[in-house]
Amino acid sequence: MLRGRGTMLNHGYARWHTNCIVLGQGDNIMQKTSGFTLMELMVTIAIIAILSAIVIPNFIAWVPKFKLGGASRDVLGILQKTRVQAIKDNTNYVLMFDTGNESYTAFLDDGAGTPANSGNGVLDGGETVIAQKTLANGIDISVTTLPGDWVAFDTQGIASTAGTITLTDSSGDTRQIFLELAGSSRIQ
């Protein structure tokens, strides 16, 4: 028997008087630990993989629809902004569509001091631009019944012509913005 301060070793047993822990032959001490077992981690990873396989393809299919919806709201918004600006400033404003570059420009069509260029629907050097934007990649724009791909709004907010602006995404889905002579517009 060995004796030391606070310990007694005898026949393979160790006794700690302060913590009352007994170690003996064949005894296992299981310490409580926090964390995850390998099996729990594998099950969690498998669940994440299965959910990802279901969700990601659907999300990828939705992205063009979100882009198309956003682009159509942008075009509707710029139509309304151009109309309101014409009423507010008591002068003619034009919204011009560039179908080749998938963009639009709204500007004050005053000819930049040249009366012959006033109201021509063309952005002449020096005319005030109030908005200009290129549509997102994968969105195509086409304009029907708007001569020259532009519409003018007069001092009362009346459109120079009625027409339809069609936006098409990469999957072939479309949104149409209808413009009426009174200047009102809507998405369908």
Foldseek 3Di string as FASTA:
>chain_A
DDDDVQWDDDQQWIARPVPGDIDHPPDDDDDDDDDDDPVVVVVVVVVVVVVCVVPVVVVVVCVQVVLQVVVVVVVLVVLVVLLVVQQVVQAKKKWAADQVQQKIWIWGQCVQPDNVRRPPRDDDPNTGTPDIDHRDPQKGKDWPPDVNRMWMAGNQSFIPAWTKIWIAGNVGDIKIWTAHRRSHIDID
